[in-house]
């Protein structure tokens, strides 16, 4: 029975349950009854409240919105922000051919080359004033009182509060108070301890002191909760930080609040207790702006932390990784005027979120010649991308799985609007290219009943082409089936004669088997192909025993040769 009783005055109890993050631990006991009660206290905490400095004094002591809190916080950290700023400045209509099976489509793939468009936390000094037992002859009587008449003395103190406290309770919840009461400092021998704070910190400190007894907060809105979170970081009350983080996550998230959570001081952002909050903020921004092309003007004005959250997402709905690269350049050029600044941001921050292995070879060549990238960085990421492209699909999948444990995720494929392709080009004896397109079973399922999926562009003879896979009706409109088409990007009135062949891997040999071949003279915006590539209904194509899905992947190949 004795083991279950905690002596509120025994300093040895200060080490118990200082971290309750483990789900196997019992929750902190509720000592709300003992808060500021001399019968359950062994110390008197004297809180001297001084006026805020003119630079950090808020226009209003009450923040009603997240924006108000952000402005107040920015003023408070103005000197640090100024230092950082100074450093920075140092296919729509079918045209049926006379051939009964070959289809020509008036279908233009959107231009995939179009643009889609730490702040250091200064450690605040916690001012402790040593006070001898004789300095307060009436300390107990004065406890739980406001000793100030509101006037400011020569030390700047405008108000004094005194509270009865239990040192074991505070020490069990805060390493700061544990050191104060247990490390042999002079303060640990005193009954009275004085803490000096700014007036703007008073409400948050009182919330924290009460929380360490009751495990509850009276604050329910974002501004006061953020004040408490900052103070909990200052006084090392991890349990309160976790509680604030959980309450903030339960509030409605907005772009403004998400950006604010990502812009908290570094010491707060690095705290494990705050990680769930920052993760939720990143997920909110990534979900809201997953289609950057719809919010170009809005996204281009977001701060760096917001852009990193968006670019780190696997679910960006952009045409290709080329578009992610173009956007990163566009944003960086809009926010950083000096080339050395852009190289720093792209090399150390945004560059790690560009998945270079999924960019086209044509765009990778541009990376090597881009002055906004450090030459060594550009060379490294391009070589890394080319080596990845040269790996077998099986090895690429293994590398992607291994990458999921890292922050860059450079080998993890996003959900692009246009599917990546692998291209092998030949110049002799004729201009020719072989294009490999892989589609997952789920992607094919989503095509039913009339969907299309486009490949990224590839080039032959200086002209851009693309593949498109369709779920459509057969020639007699009697059943759905899988179709594959080859299109040429529209650029003026260019005509192009091409021999082409479609093939797919098939069981049991798992080799590529030719399914259709033909020739066509392209004009811009046209597409040609085969409406029922496998000559079977859609249901047979998608069946569990389908010959064409190997480990859940449909492997397609197209060979293009320029006709002389």
Protein backbone atom coordinates (compact mmCIF):
# COMPACT_ATOMS: atom_id res chain seq x y z
CA UNK A 1 0.00 0.00 0.00
CA UNK A 2 2.85 2.32 0.85
CA UNK A 3 4.22 2.12 -2.72
CA UNK A 4 1.02 3.62 -4.10
CA UNK A 5 1.22 6.78 -2.01
CA UNK A 6 3.21 9.78 -3.20
CA UNK A 7 4.60 12.20 -0.64
CA UNK A 8 4.09 15.67 -2.08
CA UNK A 9 6.99 16.97 -0.02
CA UNK A 10 9.53 14.22 -0.73
CA UNK A 11 12.01 15.48 -3.38
CA UNK A 12 12.69 11.89 -4.38
CA UNK A 13 9.26 11.77 -6.00
CA UNK A 14 10.37 14.43 -8.47
CA UNK A 15 11.75 11.77 -10.78
CA UNK A 16 8.55 9.79 -11.18
CA UNK A 17 6.52 9.89 -14.41
CA UNK A 18 8.32 12.89 -15.87
CA UNK A 19 7.49 11.57 -19.32
CA UNK A 20 4.05 10.15 -19.89
CA UNK A 21 4.27 9.85 -23.65
CA UNK A 22 4.33 6.08 -23.53
CA UNK A 23 0.87 4.56 -24.02
CA UNK A 24 1.68 1.99 -21.35
CA UNK A 25 2.10 4.58 -18.64
CA UNK A 26 -0.78 5.61 -16.46
CA UNK A 27 -1.94 9.22 -16.87
CA UNK A 28 -0.60 11.88 -14.53
CA UNK A 29 -2.44 11.96 -11.20
CA UNK A 30 -4.80 14.87 -10.63
CA UNK A 31 -3.52 17.19 -7.89
CA UNK A 32 -5.80 20.11 -8.72
CA UNK A 33 -6.90 20.17 -5.08
CA UNK A 34 -3.35 20.99 -4.03
CA UNK A 35 -2.76 23.92 -6.37
CA UNK A 36 -1.83 27.03 -4.40
CA UNK A 37 -2.76 25.37 -1.11
CA UNK A 38 -0.28 25.85 1.74
CA UNK A 39 -1.32 22.53 3.26
CA UNK A 40 0.08 20.64 0.26
CA UNK A 41 2.98 22.93 -0.58
CA UNK A 42 6.60 23.20 0.52
CA UNK A 43 7.62 26.35 -1.37
CA UNK A 44 6.38 29.83 -2.18
CA UNK A 45 6.83 31.02 -5.74
CA UNK A 46 7.07 34.77 -6.09
CA UNK A 47 6.31 35.90 -9.65
CA UNK A 48 7.55 39.39 -10.46
CA UNK A 49 5.84 40.76 -13.55
CA UNK A 50 7.62 43.43 -15.57
CA UNK A 51 6.27 45.44 -18.45
CA UNK A 52 7.07 44.22 -21.95
CA UNK A 53 9.73 46.07 -23.90
CA UNK A 54 8.50 48.65 -26.37
CA UNK A 55 9.68 46.50 -29.27
CA UNK A 56 7.74 43.43 -28.19
CA UNK A 57 4.81 45.04 -26.41
CA UNK A 58 1.63 44.02 -28.24
CA UNK A 59 -0.81 46.61 -29.42
CA UNK A 60 -3.46 44.68 -27.56
CA UNK A 61 -2.96 42.21 -24.76
CA UNK A 62 -5.65 39.94 -26.23
CA UNK A 63 -5.18 38.03 -29.49
CA UNK A 64 -8.52 37.09 -30.96
CA UNK A 65 -7.26 35.32 -34.10
CA UNK A 66 -4.28 33.34 -35.32
CA UNK A 67 -3.29 36.37 -37.39
CA UNK A 68 -3.18 38.54 -34.26
CA UNK A 69 -0.98 35.97 -32.53
CA UNK A 70 1.31 35.72 -35.56
CA UNK A 71 1.81 39.49 -35.62
CA UNK A 72 2.56 39.54 -31.91
CA UNK A 73 4.98 36.64 -32.25
CA UNK A 74 6.74 38.27 -35.20
CA UNK A 75 7.25 41.45 -33.18
CA UNK A 76 8.63 39.41 -30.30
CA UNK A 77 11.12 37.71 -32.62
CA UNK A 78 11.74 40.80 -34.75
CA UNK A 79 15.45 41.06 -34.09
CA UNK A 80 16.06 37.46 -35.11
CA UNK A 81 13.97 37.83 -38.25
CA UNK A 82 15.88 40.97 -39.17
CA UNK A 83 19.18 39.16 -38.72
CA UNK A 84 18.02 36.32 -40.96
CA UNK A 85 16.77 38.78 -43.57
CA UNK A 86 20.09 40.65 -43.59
CA UNK A 87 21.92 37.36 -44.13
CA UNK A 88 19.71 36.47 -47.00
CA UNK A 89 20.34 39.79 -48.77
CA UNK A 90 24.13 39.58 -48.19
CA UNK A 91 -8.34 13.73 -77.41
CA UNK A 92 -12.05 15.11 -77.79
CA UNK A 93 -13.60 13.99 -81.14
CA UNK A 94 -13.04 10.63 -82.92
CA UNK A 95 -12.11 10.76 -86.61
CA UNK A 96 -12.65 7.16 -87.73
CA UNK A 97 -10.20 6.04 -90.42
CA UNK A 98 -11.34 3.83 -93.28
CA UNK A 99 -9.31 1.04 -91.68
CA UNK A 100 -11.85 -0.96 -89.63
CA UNK A 101 -9.61 -1.18 -86.52
CA UNK A 102 -7.13 1.70 -86.62
CA UNK A 103 -8.45 4.83 -84.93
CA UNK A 104 -7.34 8.43 -85.47
CA UNK A 105 -8.13 10.82 -82.66
CA UNK A 106 -8.38 14.59 -82.60
CA UNK A 107 -6.77 14.68 -79.21
CA UNK A 108 -4.25 17.14 -77.89
CA UNK A 109 -2.31 16.34 -74.80
CA UNK A 110 -1.93 19.40 -72.56
CA UNK A 111 1.49 21.00 -72.87
CA UNK A 112 3.46 19.43 -70.06
CA UNK A 113 6.32 21.91 -70.42
CA UNK A 114 4.20 24.84 -69.29
CA UNK A 115 4.97 26.33 -65.92
CA UNK A 116 2.56 25.46 -63.20
CA UNK A 117 3.21 27.69 -61.85
CA UNK A 118 14.78 28.35 -40.02
CA UNK A 119 14.24 30.70 -38.06
CA UNK A 120 16.45 30.54 -34.97
CA UNK A 121 14.76 30.89 -31.64
CA UNK A 122 16.77 33.02 -29.25
CA UNK A 123 16.82 31.40 -25.85
CA UNK A 124 15.02 33.71 -23.48
CA UNK A 125 16.72 34.17 -20.16
CA UNK A 126 14.58 32.93 -17.29
CA UNK A 127 15.27 35.35 -14.51
CA UNK A 128 15.56 33.80 -11.06
CA UNK A 129 16.24 35.94 -8.02
CA UNK A 130 17.70 34.35 -4.92
CA UNK A 131 15.88 35.23 -1.76
CA UNK A 132 16.82 34.28 1.78
CA UNK A 133 14.23 32.90 4.19
CA UNK A 134 14.41 36.06 6.27
CA UNK A 135 13.68 38.26 3.28
CA UNK A 136 10.02 37.35 3.53
CA UNK A 137 8.89 37.32 7.09
CA UNK A 138 5.27 37.15 6.07
CA UNK A 139 5.74 34.96 2.99
CA UNK A 140 3.08 32.41 3.82
CA UNK A 141 0.53 35.07 4.63
CA UNK A 142 1.30 36.86 1.41
CA UNK A 143 1.04 33.76 -0.76
CA UNK A 144 -1.80 33.65 -3.29
CA UNK A 145 -1.93 37.42 -3.32
CA UNK A 146 -1.16 40.22 -5.69
CA UNK A 147 1.37 42.25 -3.75
CA UNK A 148 1.63 45.07 -6.26
CA UNK A 149 -0.39 48.23 -6.24
CA UNK A 150 0.16 48.57 -9.96
CA UNK A 151 2.99 51.09 -9.84
CA UNK A 152 6.37 50.31 -11.36
CA UNK A 153 9.44 50.26 -9.10
CA UNK A 154 13.02 51.02 -10.11
CA UNK A 155 13.54 47.41 -11.29
CA UNK A 156 10.59 47.64 -13.68
CA UNK A 157 8.32 45.32 -11.67
CA UNK A 158 4.70 46.37 -12.10
CA UNK A 159 3.03 43.52 -10.26
CA UNK A 160 3.91 40.59 -7.98
CA UNK A 161 2.08 37.30 -7.55
CA UNK A 162 2.86 34.70 -4.92
CA UNK A 163 1.76 31.07 -5.06
CA UNK A 164 2.11 28.07 -2.80
CA UNK A 165 3.74 25.30 -4.81
CA UNK A 166 4.80 21.69 -4.33
CA UNK A 167 8.35 21.28 -5.60
CA UNK A 168 7.96 17.50 -6.26
CA UNK A 169 4.92 18.08 -8.49
CA UNK A 170 6.65 20.79 -10.52
CA UNK A 171 9.90 18.79 -10.68
CA UNK A 172 8.06 15.68 -11.89
CA UNK A 173 6.65 17.62 -14.85
CA UNK A 174 9.49 19.97 -15.71
CA UNK A 175 13.26 19.39 -15.94
CA UNK A 176 13.63 23.13 -15.42
CA UNK A 177 11.95 23.01 -12.01
CA UNK A 178 13.63 19.69 -11.21
CA UNK A 179 17.04 21.32 -11.66
CA UNK A 180 15.91 24.28 -9.65
CA UNK A 181 14.81 22.22 -6.67
CA UNK A 182 17.25 19.29 -6.78
CA UNK A 183 20.66 20.35 -8.09
CA UNK A 184 22.15 21.85 -4.97
CA UNK A 185 21.76 25.42 -6.15
CA UNK A 186 21.14 28.03 -3.52
CA UNK A 187 17.54 28.27 -4.72
CA UNK A 188 17.01 24.61 -3.82
CA UNK A 189 17.66 25.50 -0.17
CA UNK A 190 15.23 28.41 -0.13
CA UNK A 191 11.57 28.24 0.75
CA UNK A 192 10.89 31.30 -1.40
CA UNK A 193 11.81 31.35 -5.07
CA UNK A 194 11.35 34.39 -7.28
CA UNK A 195 10.66 34.21 -11.00
CA UNK A 196 10.61 37.35 -13.14
CA UNK A 197 8.55 37.33 -16.34
CA UNK A 198 7.13 39.75 -18.89
CA UNK A 199 3.51 40.79 -18.52
CA UNK A 200 2.62 39.08 -21.81
CA UNK A 201 3.79 35.73 -20.35
CA UNK A 202 1.71 35.86 -17.20
CA UNK A 203 -1.44 34.12 -18.43
CA UNK A 204 0.54 31.34 -20.13
CA UNK A 205 2.70 30.70 -17.07
CA UNK A 206 -0.36 30.47 -14.81
CA UNK A 207 -1.91 27.99 -17.26
CA UNK A 208 1.25 25.85 -17.15
CA UNK A 209 1.49 25.89 -13.35
CA UNK A 210 -2.15 24.87 -13.11
CA UNK A 211 -1.66 22.18 -15.78
CA UNK A 212 1.16 20.54 -13.84
CA UNK A 213 -1.35 19.98 -11.03
CA UNK A 214 -4.60 19.28 -12.92
CA UNK A 215 -3.57 18.13 -16.44
CA UNK A 216 -6.12 20.57 -17.87
CA UNK A 217 -6.04 23.96 -19.57
CA UNK A 218 -8.70 26.64 -19.62
CA UNK A 219 -7.48 27.93 -23.01
CA UNK A 220 -9.54 26.60 -25.91
CA UNK A 221 -8.66 28.83 -28.88
CA UNK A 222 -5.47 28.96 -30.95
CA UNK A 223 -3.88 32.24 -29.74
CA UNK A 224 -3.78 31.43 -25.99
CA UNK A 225 -2.89 27.80 -26.73
CA UNK A 226 0.07 28.96 -28.78
CA UNK A 227 1.17 31.19 -25.91
CA UNK A 228 0.98 28.21 -23.57
CA UNK A 229 2.87 26.03 -26.07
CA UNK A 230 5.71 28.56 -26.27
CA UNK A 231 5.85 28.91 -22.51
CA UNK A 232 5.74 25.13 -22.03
CA UNK A 233 8.78 24.88 -24.31
CA UNK A 234 10.53 27.59 -22.29
CA UNK A 235 9.89 25.85 -18.98
CA UNK A 236 10.39 22.34 -20.42
CA UNK A 237 6.93 20.99 -19.63
CA UNK A 238 6.70 18.31 -22.33
CA UNK A 239 3.35 16.95 -21.15
CA UNK A 240 1.80 20.39 -21.58
CA UNK A 241 3.35 20.74 -25.03
CA UNK A 242 1.76 17.45 -26.06
CA UNK A 243 -1.59 18.57 -24.66
CA UNK A 244 -1.42 21.91 -26.50
CA UNK A 245 -0.39 20.15 -29.71
CA UNK A 246 -3.37 17.80 -29.44
CA UNK A 247 -5.83 20.64 -28.76
CA UNK A 248 -4.49 22.68 -31.68
CA UNK A 249 -4.79 19.68 -34.01
CA UNK A 250 -8.44 19.32 -33.02
CA UNK A 251 -9.19 22.92 -34.04
CA UNK A 252 -10.22 23.66 -37.66
CA UNK A 253 -7.05 23.98 -39.76
CA UNK A 254 -6.64 26.90 -42.18
CA UNK A 255 -3.82 27.91 -44.50
CA UNK A 256 -2.98 30.73 -42.12
CA UNK A 257 -2.82 28.51 -39.04
CA UNK A 258 -0.92 25.73 -40.85
CA UNK A 259 1.76 28.20 -41.99
CA UNK A 260 1.96 29.61 -38.48
CA UNK A 261 2.53 26.17 -36.94
CA UNK A 262 5.37 25.59 -39.41
CA UNK A 263 6.90 28.97 -38.52
CA UNK A 264 7.17 28.41 -34.76
CA UNK A 265 10.64 28.89 -33.22
CA UNK A 266 13.14 26.17 -34.00
CA UNK A 267 13.27 24.88 -30.42
CA UNK A 268 9.50 24.33 -30.52
CA UNK A 269 9.50 22.74 -33.97
CA UNK A 270 12.21 20.29 -32.94
CA UNK A 271 10.28 19.10 -29.90
CA UNK A 272 8.91 15.58 -30.32
CA UNK A 273 5.64 16.65 -28.69
CA UNK A 274 4.98 19.16 -31.50
CA UNK A 275 5.72 16.81 -34.42
CA UNK A 276 2.10 15.61 -34.75
CA UNK A 277 0.97 19.24 -35.05
CA UNK A 278 3.52 20.15 -37.71
CA UNK A 279 2.78 16.89 -39.57
CA UNK A 280 -0.93 17.79 -39.60
CA UNK A 281 -0.10 21.28 -40.90
CA UNK A 282 2.02 19.83 -43.72
CA UNK A 283 -0.71 17.34 -44.65
CA UNK A 284 -3.30 20.13 -44.74
CA UNK A 285 -1.22 22.28 -47.09
CA UNK A 286 -0.31 19.30 -49.28
CA UNK A 287 -3.98 18.32 -49.61
CA UNK A 288 -5.22 21.86 -50.24
CA UNK A 289 -2.64 22.67 -52.91
CA UNK A 290 -2.11 19.23 -54.45
CA UNK A 291 -3.14 20.68 -57.82
CA UNK A 292 -0.79 23.64 -57.92
CA UNK A 293 -1.99 24.69 -61.37
CA UNK A 294 -5.36 25.71 -59.86
CA UNK A 295 -3.78 27.96 -57.22
CA UNK A 296 -0.74 29.40 -59.01
CA UNK A 297 -1.14 32.98 -57.79
CA UNK A 298 -1.82 31.83 -54.23
CA UNK A 299 0.92 29.24 -54.02
CA UNK A 300 3.61 31.47 -55.52
CA UNK A 301 3.18 33.79 -52.52
CA UNK A 302 3.47 31.08 -49.85
CA UNK A 303 6.57 31.12 -47.62
CA UNK A 304 9.34 28.56 -47.89
CA UNK A 305 7.96 26.26 -45.17
CA UNK A 306 4.64 26.01 -47.00
CA UNK A 307 6.32 25.24 -50.34
CA UNK A 308 8.40 22.50 -48.72
CA UNK A 309 5.26 20.92 -47.27
CA UNK A 310 3.58 20.90 -50.68
CA UNK A 311 6.59 19.65 -52.65
CA UNK A 312 7.20 16.81 -50.18
CA UNK A 313 3.79 15.28 -50.92
CA UNK A 314 3.42 12.07 -52.93
CA UNK A 315 -0.03 13.20 -54.11
CA UNK A 316 0.81 16.29 -56.15
CA UNK A 317 -1.49 16.39 -59.17
CA UNK A 318 0.94 17.79 -61.70
CA UNK A 319 1.64 16.68 -65.23
CA UNK A 320 5.07 15.28 -64.39
CA UNK A 321 8.11 15.82 -62.21
CA UNK A 322 9.28 18.25 -64.88
CA UNK A 323 6.42 20.50 -63.78
CA UNK A 324 7.53 20.22 -60.13
CA UNK A 325 11.02 21.31 -61.18
CA UNK A 326 9.65 24.23 -63.21
CA UNK A 327 7.52 25.36 -60.29
CA UNK A 328 10.43 25.20 -57.85
CA UNK A 329 12.46 27.42 -60.15
CA UNK A 330 9.57 29.83 -60.64
CA UNK A 331 8.95 30.18 -56.88
CA UNK A 332 12.64 30.58 -56.07
CA UNK A 333 13.16 33.26 -58.72
CA UNK A 334 10.13 35.15 -57.41
CA UNK A 335 11.41 35.20 -53.81
CA UNK A 336 15.19 35.38 -54.17
CA UNK A 337 16.74 37.92 -56.52
CA UNK A 338 20.40 37.02 -56.19
CA UNK A 339 21.76 33.92 -57.97
CA UNK A 340 23.75 32.85 -54.90
CA UNK A 341 20.57 32.98 -52.80
CA UNK A 342 18.71 30.80 -55.29
CA UNK A 343 21.56 28.28 -55.38
CA UNK A 344 21.51 28.11 -51.59
CA UNK A 345 17.73 27.58 -51.35
CA UNK A 346 17.57 25.05 -54.18
CA UNK A 347 20.67 23.19 -53.03
CA UNK A 348 19.84 22.93 -49.33
CA UNK A 349 16.04 23.17 -49.12
CA UNK A 350 13.84 22.77 -52.20
CA UNK A 351 16.18 20.61 -54.29
CA UNK A 352 15.73 17.63 -51.99
CA UNK A 353 11.98 17.61 -52.72
CA UNK A 354 12.43 17.48 -56.52
CA UNK A 355 12.35 13.83 -57.59
CA UNK A 356 14.94 14.07 -60.34
CA UNK A 357 14.84 10.32 -61.19
CA UNK A 358 11.30 10.84 -62.55
CA UNK A 359 12.17 13.84 -64.71
CA UNK A 360 12.57 13.40 -68.46
CA UNK A 361 16.08 13.20 -69.88
CA UNK A 362 15.48 16.40 -71.87
CA UNK A 363 14.70 18.29 -68.68
CA UNK A 364 17.66 16.73 -66.85
CA UNK A 365 19.93 18.19 -69.52
CA UNK A 366 18.50 21.62 -68.66
CA UNK A 367 19.29 21.06 -64.97
CA UNK A 368 23.00 20.74 -65.82
CA UNK A 369 22.93 24.09 -67.59
CA UNK A 370 20.79 25.97 -65.07
CA UNK A 371 22.67 28.72 -63.25
CA UNK A 372 20.21 28.59 -60.35
CA UNK A 373 21.74 25.28 -59.23
CA UNK A 374 25.20 24.75 -57.81
CA UNK A 375 27.18 22.82 -60.43
CA UNK A 376 28.24 20.03 -58.09
CA UNK A 377 24.68 19.62 -56.79
CA UNK A 378 23.24 19.52 -60.32
CA UNK A 379 25.81 16.98 -61.48
CA UNK A 380 25.14 14.71 -58.51
CA UNK A 381 21.32 14.69 -58.82
CA UNK A 382 21.39 14.18 -62.59
CA UNK A 383 23.82 11.27 -62.37
CA UNK A 384 21.76 9.77 -59.57
CA UNK A 385 18.63 10.10 -61.72
CA UNK A 386 20.26 8.49 -64.76
CA UNK A 387 21.56 5.54 -62.73
CA UNK A 388 18.06 5.03 -61.33
CA UNK A 389 16.52 5.07 -64.82
CA UNK A 390 19.02 2.43 -65.90
CA UNK A 391 17.95 0.03 -63.15
CA UNK A 392 15.47 -2.76 -63.78
CA UNK A 393 11.85 -2.07 -62.70
CA UNK A 394 12.23 -4.63 -59.89
CA UNK A 395 15.32 -2.88 -58.54
CA UNK A 396 13.61 0.52 -58.88
CA UNK A 397 10.72 -0.69 -56.72
CA UNK A 398 13.15 -1.94 -54.06
CA UNK A 399 14.94 1.42 -54.05
CA UNK A 400 11.61 3.23 -53.70
CA UNK A 401 10.63 1.08 -50.71
CA UNK A 402 13.99 1.74 -49.06
CA UNK A 403 13.54 5.47 -49.68
CA UNK A 404 10.22 5.68 -47.81
CA UNK A 405 12.12 5.84 -44.51
CA UNK A 406 13.97 8.99 -45.57
CA UNK A 407 12.91 12.61 -45.91
CA UNK A 408 13.79 13.20 -49.57
CA UNK A 409 11.76 10.28 -51.05
CA UNK A 410 13.51 10.94 -54.35
CA UNK A 411 12.85 7.41 -55.67
CA UNK A 412 9.16 7.40 -54.73
CA UNK A 413 6.87 8.03 -57.69
CA UNK A 414 4.12 10.61 -57.30
CA UNK A 415 0.61 10.33 -58.74
CA UNK A 416 1.39 12.28 -61.89
CA UNK A 417 -1.30 13.27 -64.36
CA UNK A 418 0.97 11.91 -67.09
CA UNK A 419 2.59 8.53 -66.53
CA UNK A 420 6.41 8.32 -66.70
CA UNK A 421 7.92 6.39 -69.60
CA UNK A 422 11.31 4.87 -70.28
CA UNK A 423 12.68 5.77 -73.73
CA UNK A 424 15.55 4.33 -75.78
CA UNK A 425 16.53 6.46 -78.79
CA UNK A 426 18.45 5.46 -81.92
CA UNK A 427 19.88 7.75 -84.57
CA UNK A 428 21.28 5.10 -86.93
CA UNK A 429 20.55 3.42 -89.23
CA UNK A 430 17.21 5.23 -88.87
CA UNK A 431 15.77 7.63 -86.35
CA UNK A 432 13.86 5.35 -84.01
CA UNK A 433 12.75 5.17 -80.38
CA UNK A 434 11.40 2.43 -78.15
CA UNK A 435 9.02 3.59 -75.41
CA UNK A 436 8.06 1.56 -72.33
CA UNK A 437 4.91 2.44 -70.39
CA UNK A 438 3.86 0.55 -67.24
CA UNK A 439 0.35 0.87 -65.79
CA UNK A 440 -0.74 -0.48 -62.42
CA UNK A 441 -3.88 -2.59 -62.19
CA UNK A 442 -5.55 0.07 -60.04
CA UNK A 443 -4.85 2.69 -62.69
CA UNK A 444 -6.53 0.50 -65.30
CA UNK A 445 -9.50 -0.15 -63.02
CA UNK A 446 -10.01 3.60 -62.69
CA UNK A 447 -10.26 3.95 -66.48
CA UNK A 448 -13.63 2.21 -66.60
CA UNK A 449 -16.00 3.09 -68.24
CA UNK A 450 -14.58 5.90 -70.40
CA UNK A 451 -11.35 7.14 -68.83
CA UNK A 452 -8.00 7.95 -70.33
CA UNK A 453 -4.46 8.09 -68.99
CA UNK A 454 -1.66 9.89 -70.81
CA UNK A 455 2.06 9.27 -70.82
CA UNK A 456 4.69 11.91 -70.46
CA UNK A 457 5.98 13.33 -73.71
CA UNK A 458 8.88 11.71 -75.54
CA UNK A 459 10.67 12.93 -78.63
CA UNK A 460 11.62 11.60 -82.02
CA UNK A 461 13.18 13.70 -84.76
CA UNK A 462 12.65 16.83 -82.69
CA UNK A 463 8.90 16.24 -82.45
CA UNK A 464 7.01 15.49 -79.25
CA UNK A 465 4.79 12.37 -79.00
CA UNK A 466 2.76 10.73 -76.24
CA UNK A 467 0.83 7.50 -75.58
CA UNK A 468 -2.72 7.37 -74.26
CA UNK A 469 -4.50 4.33 -72.83
CA UNK A 470 -8.31 4.27 -73.00
CA UNK A 471 -11.27 2.34 -71.79
CA UNK A 472 -13.68 2.59 -74.72
CA UNK A 473 -16.34 0.68 -76.65
CA UNK A 474 -15.28 -1.71 -79.36
CA UNK A 475 -15.84 -0.97 -83.04
CA UNK A 476 -19.41 -2.27 -82.94
CA UNK A 477 -20.11 -0.58 -79.57
CA UNK A 478 -21.02 -3.94 -78.07
CA UNK A 479 -18.63 -4.06 -75.11
CA UNK A 480 -15.90 -2.10 -73.32
CA UNK A 481 -12.26 -2.84 -74.11
CA UNK A 482 -8.72 -1.54 -73.66
CA UNK A 483 -7.35 0.77 -76.34
CA UNK A 484 -3.88 2.25 -76.89
CA UNK A 485 -3.15 5.33 -79.02
CA UNK A 486 -0.12 7.29 -80.18
CA UNK A 487 -0.43 11.07 -80.45
CA UNK A 488 1.74 13.92 -81.64
CA UNK A 489 1.87 17.18 -79.73
CA UNK A 490 0.49 20.06 -81.73
CA UNK A 491 3.14 22.45 -82.96
CA UNK A 492 2.12 24.38 -86.02
CA UNK A 493 1.37 22.58 -89.27
CA UNK A 494 4.18 20.03 -89.07
CA UNK A 495 3.53 16.66 -90.75
CA UNK A 496 5.39 13.55 -89.74
CA UNK A 497 5.30 10.02 -91.23
CA UNK A 498 5.93 7.29 -88.67
CA UNK A 499 5.94 3.49 -88.61
CA UNK A 500 4.75 2.27 -85.21
CA UNK A 501 4.22 -1.01 -83.38
CA UNK A 502 2.43 -1.72 -80.07
CA UNK A 503 3.41 -4.70 -77.91
CA UNK A 504 2.67 -5.98 -74.39
CA UNK A 505 4.19 -8.52 -72.04
CA UNK A 506 2.05 -11.65 -71.85
CA UNK A 507 1.98 -14.80 -69.76
CA UNK A 508 3.28 -17.43 -69.61
CA UNK A 509 6.56 -16.33 -71.26
CA UNK A 510 6.27 -12.76 -69.94
CA UNK A 511 7.93 -11.57 -73.14
CA UNK A 512 6.72 -8.66 -75.25
CA UNK A 513 4.31 -9.86 -77.93
CA UNK A 514 3.41 -7.61 -80.84
CA UNK A 515 -0.29 -6.65 -80.84
CA UNK A 516 -0.58 -4.11 -83.61
CA UNK A 517 1.55 -2.26 -86.14
CA UNK A 518 0.87 0.38 -88.71
CA UNK A 519 2.04 3.64 -90.22
CA UNK A 520 0.58 7.10 -90.20
CA UNK A 521 1.38 10.60 -91.37
CA UNK A 522 0.80 12.80 -88.34
CA UNK A 523 -0.36 16.37 -88.24
CA UNK A 524 -0.43 18.34 -85.01
CA UNK A 525 -3.05 17.24 -82.50
CA UNK A 526 -3.89 13.90 -84.10
CA UNK A 527 -3.63 10.47 -82.47
CA UNK A 528 -3.73 7.03 -84.04
CA UNK A 529 -4.08 3.63 -82.44
CA UNK A 530 -6.06 0.51 -81.80
CA UNK A 531 -9.43 0.61 -80.08
CA UNK A 532 -9.26 -3.00 -78.79
CA UNK A 533 -5.56 -3.74 -78.40
CA UNK A 534 -5.99 -7.24 -76.92
CA UNK A 535 -9.10 -8.23 -78.92
CA UNK A 536 -10.97 -9.16 -75.73
CA UNK A 537 -13.69 -7.50 -73.64
CA UNK A 538 -12.75 -5.29 -70.70
CA UNK A 539 -13.94 -7.89 -68.18
CA UNK A 540 -11.56 -10.50 -69.59
CA UNK A 541 -8.73 -7.97 -69.74
CA UNK A 542 -9.18 -7.07 -66.03
CA UNK A 543 -9.88 -10.63 -64.78
CA UNK A 544 -7.74 -12.12 -62.03
CA UNK A 545 -6.35 -14.67 -64.50
CA UNK A 546 -5.62 -12.02 -67.14
CA UNK A 547 -2.60 -12.81 -69.27
CA UNK A 548 -1.46 -9.20 -69.33
CA UNK A 549 -1.00 -8.22 -65.67
CA UNK A 550 2.31 -9.47 -64.28
CA UNK A 551 2.61 -8.85 -60.55
CA UNK A 552 -0.15 -6.28 -60.90
CA UNK A 553 1.58 -4.34 -63.71
CA UNK A 554 0.57 -3.97 -67.36
CA UNK A 555 3.75 -3.63 -69.43
CA UNK A 556 3.30 -1.81 -72.76
CA UNK A 557 5.83 -1.02 -75.45
CA UNK A 558 5.67 1.24 -78.50
CA UNK A 559 8.30 1.37 -81.25
CA UNK A 560 8.38 4.42 -83.50
CA UNK A 561 10.47 4.80 -86.65
CA UNK A 562 10.58 7.83 -88.94
CA UNK A 563 9.71 6.88 -92.52
CA UNK A 564 12.20 8.03 -95.13
